[in-house]
């Protein structure tokens, strides 16, 4: 069941930010995820840094659970799907079977990113550099100056707070609103081996301009918490 307490309005649509770092779009019956970075461990192993080789299984397992939880019929992956363009050739049989089952069960679209610009849809799905769905632009990296509603990834945003002498870091979505009430959103990284960038980093704030407000959204407990990152002083 979709946790409706994590629902929020965005560009005159309703979205749900799942605790597992996926975004659900009920009207389109679509699940959106960014920065899977599948086969990151095998990429590093090729360069002499050995990590547990099960990152793709973990990521795809969580993604399958999100599809089941939401009943999504469409899946949009917003770039950096694999850690490199050849990553799809390295999937071991079990992970490859998991991915093939997902792409057969849904209308699956891979949007390419800077890590995997030349990837091929070897395990199903279709490819696109960017896409527009119901007036919403889907791309990998937010385009500064974009005035249309936009969903993207790339930055791996994390909210960083200090509470009672403790430093707290949580993956988050970053949303902006411009003077006309339109908005843009950067999704958290979904992959098992993905780090994060401070959601208030100037690179993120610049990418979402023009804006009058920029906030971080974090599922916390049983509700969706909103934290202000930036406000136009004008």
Protein backbone atom coordinates (compact mmCIF):
# COMPACT_ATOMS: atom_id res chain seq x y z
CA UNK A 1 0.00 0.00 0.00
CA UNK A 2 1.27 3.48 -0.92
CA UNK A 3 1.90 5.57 2.25
CA UNK A 4 -0.36 8.56 1.51
CA UNK A 5 1.14 10.45 4.46
CA UNK A 6 4.16 10.96 2.19
CA UNK A 7 2.06 12.55 -0.58
CA UNK A 8 2.64 16.17 -1.59
CA UNK A 9 1.51 18.55 -4.34
CA UNK A 10 3.95 19.47 -7.09
CA UNK A 11 3.13 21.41 -10.26
CA UNK A 12 -0.60 20.76 -9.84
CA UNK A 13 -0.01 17.03 -9.55
CA UNK A 14 0.18 14.74 -6.55
CA UNK A 15 3.33 12.75 -5.92
CA UNK A 16 4.42 10.36 -3.16
CA UNK A 17 8.03 10.27 -1.97
CA UNK A 18 8.55 6.74 -0.73
CA UNK A 19 10.87 6.06 2.24
CA UNK A 20 12.90 3.83 -0.10
CA UNK A 21 13.92 6.88 -2.18
CA UNK A 22 11.57 6.34 -5.14
CA UNK A 23 8.93 8.81 -6.34
CA UNK A 24 5.42 7.64 -7.25
CA UNK A 25 3.16 9.59 -9.62
CA UNK A 26 -0.35 8.22 -9.01
CA UNK A 27 -2.15 9.80 -11.98
CA UNK A 28 0.39 8.32 -14.40
CA UNK A 29 0.74 5.07 -12.38
CA UNK A 30 4.47 5.72 -12.72
CA UNK A 31 7.43 5.06 -10.47
CA UNK A 32 10.49 7.27 -10.90
CA UNK A 33 13.97 6.49 -9.64
CA UNK A 34 17.32 8.16 -10.23
CA UNK A 35 20.95 7.09 -10.08
CA UNK A 36 20.73 3.32 -9.68
CA UNK A 37 24.45 2.98 -10.51
CA UNK A 38 24.01 -0.74 -11.13
CA UNK A 39 27.24 -2.74 -11.29
CA UNK A 40 29.24 -0.11 -9.43
CA UNK A 41 31.01 -2.80 -7.40
CA UNK A 42 32.11 -4.71 -10.51
CA UNK A 43 33.37 -1.46 -12.04
CA UNK A 44 35.57 -0.80 -9.01
CA UNK A 45 36.72 -4.44 -8.96
CA UNK A 46 38.05 -3.98 -12.48
CA UNK A 47 40.17 -1.17 -11.12
CA UNK A 48 41.52 -3.12 -8.14
CA UNK A 49 39.09 -1.95 -5.44
CA UNK A 50 37.02 -4.91 -4.31
CA UNK A 51 33.54 -4.30 -2.88
CA UNK A 52 30.81 -6.87 -2.08
CA UNK A 53 29.49 -7.76 -5.57
CA UNK A 54 25.79 -7.72 -4.71
CA UNK A 55 24.88 -4.05 -5.13
CA UNK A 56 22.77 -4.70 -8.24
CA UNK A 57 20.76 -7.43 -6.50
CA UNK A 58 20.06 -5.15 -3.54
CA UNK A 59 19.07 -2.19 -5.72
CA UNK A 60 16.83 -4.25 -8.00
CA UNK A 61 15.23 -6.00 -5.02
CA UNK A 62 14.24 -2.66 -3.49
CA UNK A 63 13.01 -1.46 -6.86
CA UNK A 64 10.86 -4.57 -7.31
CA UNK A 65 9.38 -3.95 -3.84
CA UNK A 66 8.55 -0.34 -4.76
CA UNK A 67 6.79 -1.54 -7.92
CA UNK A 68 4.75 -4.04 -5.88
CA UNK A 69 3.98 -1.49 -3.17
CA UNK A 70 2.69 1.12 -5.61
CA UNK A 71 1.24 -1.09 -8.33
CA UNK A 72 3.16 1.04 -10.83
CA UNK A 73 2.67 0.17 -14.48
CA UNK A 74 5.40 2.49 -15.73
CA UNK A 75 8.97 2.98 -14.52
CA UNK A 76 11.22 5.88 -15.48
CA UNK A 77 14.90 5.63 -14.56
CA UNK A 78 16.40 9.12 -14.62
CA UNK A 79 19.97 8.41 -15.68
CA UNK A 80 23.17 6.91 -14.29
CA UNK A 81 21.27 3.65 -14.45
CA UNK A 82 24.56 1.73 -14.63
CA UNK A 83 27.82 3.00 -13.21
CA UNK A 84 29.28 2.94 -16.73
CA UNK A 85 27.91 2.33 -20.22
CA UNK A 86 29.21 -1.27 -20.27
CA UNK A 87 27.66 -2.14 -16.92
CA UNK A 88 24.73 -3.97 -18.47
CA UNK A 89 27.18 -6.52 -19.94
CA UNK A 90 28.47 -7.41 -16.44
CA UNK A 91 25.17 -8.28 -14.72
CA UNK A 92 25.41 -11.77 -13.25
CA UNK A 93 22.58 -14.17 -14.11
CA UNK A 94 20.51 -13.67 -10.96
CA UNK A 95 20.50 -9.86 -11.19
CA UNK A 96 19.92 -10.04 -14.95
CA UNK A 97 16.85 -12.20 -14.32
CA UNK A 98 15.55 -9.73 -11.74
CA UNK A 99 15.93 -6.85 -14.17
CA UNK A 100 14.38 -8.71 -17.09
CA UNK A 101 11.35 -9.57 -14.94
CA UNK A 102 10.88 -5.92 -14.02
CA UNK A 103 11.16 -4.64 -17.59
CA UNK A 104 8.68 -7.28 -18.79
CA UNK A 105 6.15 -6.39 -16.09
CA UNK A 106 6.16 -2.62 -16.67
CA UNK A 107 6.49 0.01 -19.37
CA UNK A 108 10.14 0.72 -18.58
CA UNK A 109 12.17 3.69 -19.85
CA UNK A 110 15.91 4.24 -19.36
CA UNK A 111 16.97 7.90 -19.54
CA UNK A 112 20.71 8.06 -20.04
CA UNK A 113 23.05 9.97 -17.72
CA UNK A 114 26.64 11.17 -17.66
CA UNK A 115 27.85 7.80 -16.32
CA UNK A 116 26.09 5.70 -18.96
CA UNK A 117 25.62 7.86 -22.09
CA UNK A 118 26.13 4.91 -24.45
CA UNK A 119 24.32 2.18 -22.51
CA UNK A 120 22.15 -0.33 -24.35
CA UNK A 121 18.82 -1.75 -23.19
CA UNK A 122 20.17 -5.32 -23.09
CA UNK A 123 17.69 -6.48 -20.47
CA UNK A 124 14.55 -4.81 -21.78
CA UNK A 125 12.98 -1.37 -21.71
CA UNK A 126 13.41 1.54 -24.10
CA UNK A 127 16.00 4.31 -24.23
CA UNK A 128 15.72 8.11 -24.25
CA UNK A 129 18.03 11.07 -23.62
CA UNK A 130 15.09 12.93 -22.08
CA UNK A 131 11.33 12.72 -22.21
CA UNK A 132 8.22 14.82 -21.61
CA UNK A 133 5.31 13.14 -19.85
CA UNK A 134 2.06 15.00 -19.16
CA UNK A 135 3.90 18.33 -19.37
CA UNK A 136 6.72 17.18 -17.06
CA UNK A 137 10.28 17.06 -18.45
CA UNK A 138 12.22 13.97 -17.33
CA UNK A 139 16.00 14.19 -17.67
CA UNK A 140 19.13 13.19 -15.80
CA UNK A 141 20.56 16.55 -14.77
CA UNK A 142 18.53 19.66 -13.92
CA UNK A 143 18.98 22.31 -16.59
CA UNK A 144 19.56 25.77 -15.14
CA UNK A 145 17.08 28.23 -16.62
CA UNK A 146 14.45 25.58 -17.38
CA UNK A 147 10.99 27.10 -16.94
CA UNK A 148 8.96 23.91 -17.51
CA UNK A 149 8.17 21.45 -14.73
CA UNK A 150 11.16 19.09 -14.46
CA UNK A 151 12.14 15.87 -12.69
CA UNK A 152 15.82 14.89 -12.57
CA UNK A 153 18.55 13.18 -10.56
CA UNK A 154 22.37 13.40 -10.84
CA UNK A 155 23.22 15.23 -7.60
CA UNK A 156 22.37 12.50 -5.01
CA UNK A 157 20.98 15.10 -2.56
CA UNK A 158 21.15 14.45 1.20
CA UNK A 159 19.77 16.67 3.92
CA UNK A 160 22.45 17.41 6.53
CA UNK A 161 21.39 18.57 9.98
CA UNK A 162 22.96 18.91 13.40
CA UNK A 163 20.54 17.95 16.18
CA UNK A 164 21.63 17.79 19.83
CA UNK A 165 25.30 17.52 18.87
CA UNK A 166 24.51 14.73 16.39
CA UNK A 167 25.05 15.03 12.67
CA UNK A 168 22.14 13.58 10.71
CA UNK A 169 22.30 12.84 6.99
CA UNK A 170 19.28 11.57 5.09
CA UNK A 171 18.65 11.11 1.35
CA UNK A 172 16.08 13.64 0.24
CA UNK A 173 14.31 15.17 -2.72
CA UNK A 174 14.95 18.83 -3.48
CA UNK A 175 12.06 20.87 -4.87
CA UNK A 176 11.94 24.42 -6.17
CA UNK A 177 9.13 26.83 -6.92
CA UNK A 178 9.41 29.81 -9.25
CA UNK A 179 7.49 33.08 -9.33
CA UNK A 180 4.81 31.57 -11.57
CA UNK A 181 4.20 28.63 -9.22
CA UNK A 182 5.92 26.08 -11.47
CA UNK A 183 8.46 23.76 -9.95
CA UNK A 184 11.39 21.42 -10.47
CA UNK A 185 12.53 18.43 -8.44
CA UNK A 186 15.81 16.55 -7.97
CA UNK A 187 15.30 12.98 -6.76
CA UNK A 188 17.51 11.22 -4.21
CA UNK A 189 19.88 8.54 -5.49
CA UNK A 190 18.26 5.11 -5.37
CA UNK A 191 21.26 2.81 -5.80
CA UNK A 192 22.75 0.71 -3.01
CA UNK A 193 26.28 2.10 -3.43
CA UNK A 194 25.52 5.78 -3.95
CA UNK A 195 26.87 8.53 -1.73
CA UNK A 196 25.36 11.97 -1.43
CA UNK A 197 25.83 15.71 -1.77
CA UNK A 198 24.62 18.26 0.77
CA UNK A 199 21.17 19.31 -0.45
CA UNK A 200 22.10 22.94 0.25
CA UNK A 201 25.26 22.77 -1.85
CA UNK A 202 25.57 25.78 -4.19
CA UNK A 203 25.73 23.45 -7.22
CA UNK A 204 22.23 22.16 -6.44
CA UNK A 205 20.82 25.60 -5.67
CA UNK A 206 22.28 26.99 -8.91
CA UNK A 207 20.89 24.14 -10.98
CA UNK A 208 17.34 24.94 -9.82
CA UNK A 209 17.40 28.63 -10.70
CA UNK A 210 15.30 30.61 -11.40
CA UNK A 211 13.43 29.97 -8.17
CA UNK A 212 11.84 31.86 -5.31
CA UNK A 213 12.10 28.97 -2.85
CA UNK A 214 14.00 25.67 -2.62
CA UNK A 215 13.15 22.99 -0.03
CA UNK A 216 14.27 19.50 0.95
CA UNK A 217 11.65 16.76 1.40
CA UNK A 218 12.42 13.79 3.68
CA UNK A 219 10.14 10.93 4.77
CA UNK A 220 10.46 10.97 8.56
CA UNK A 221 8.51 8.64 10.79
CA UNK A 222 4.98 8.64 9.42
CA UNK A 223 5.05 11.98 7.67
CA UNK A 224 6.90 13.93 5.03
CA UNK A 225 9.13 16.62 6.55
CA UNK A 226 9.97 19.80 4.63
CA UNK A 227 13.11 21.86 5.33
CA UNK A 228 13.87 25.24 3.80
CA UNK A 229 17.19 25.36 1.92
CA UNK A 230 17.00 28.72 0.17
CA UNK A 231 14.65 31.71 -0.21
CA UNK A 232 14.82 34.60 -2.64
CA UNK A 233 15.59 37.69 -0.57
CA UNK A 234 13.96 40.04 -3.09
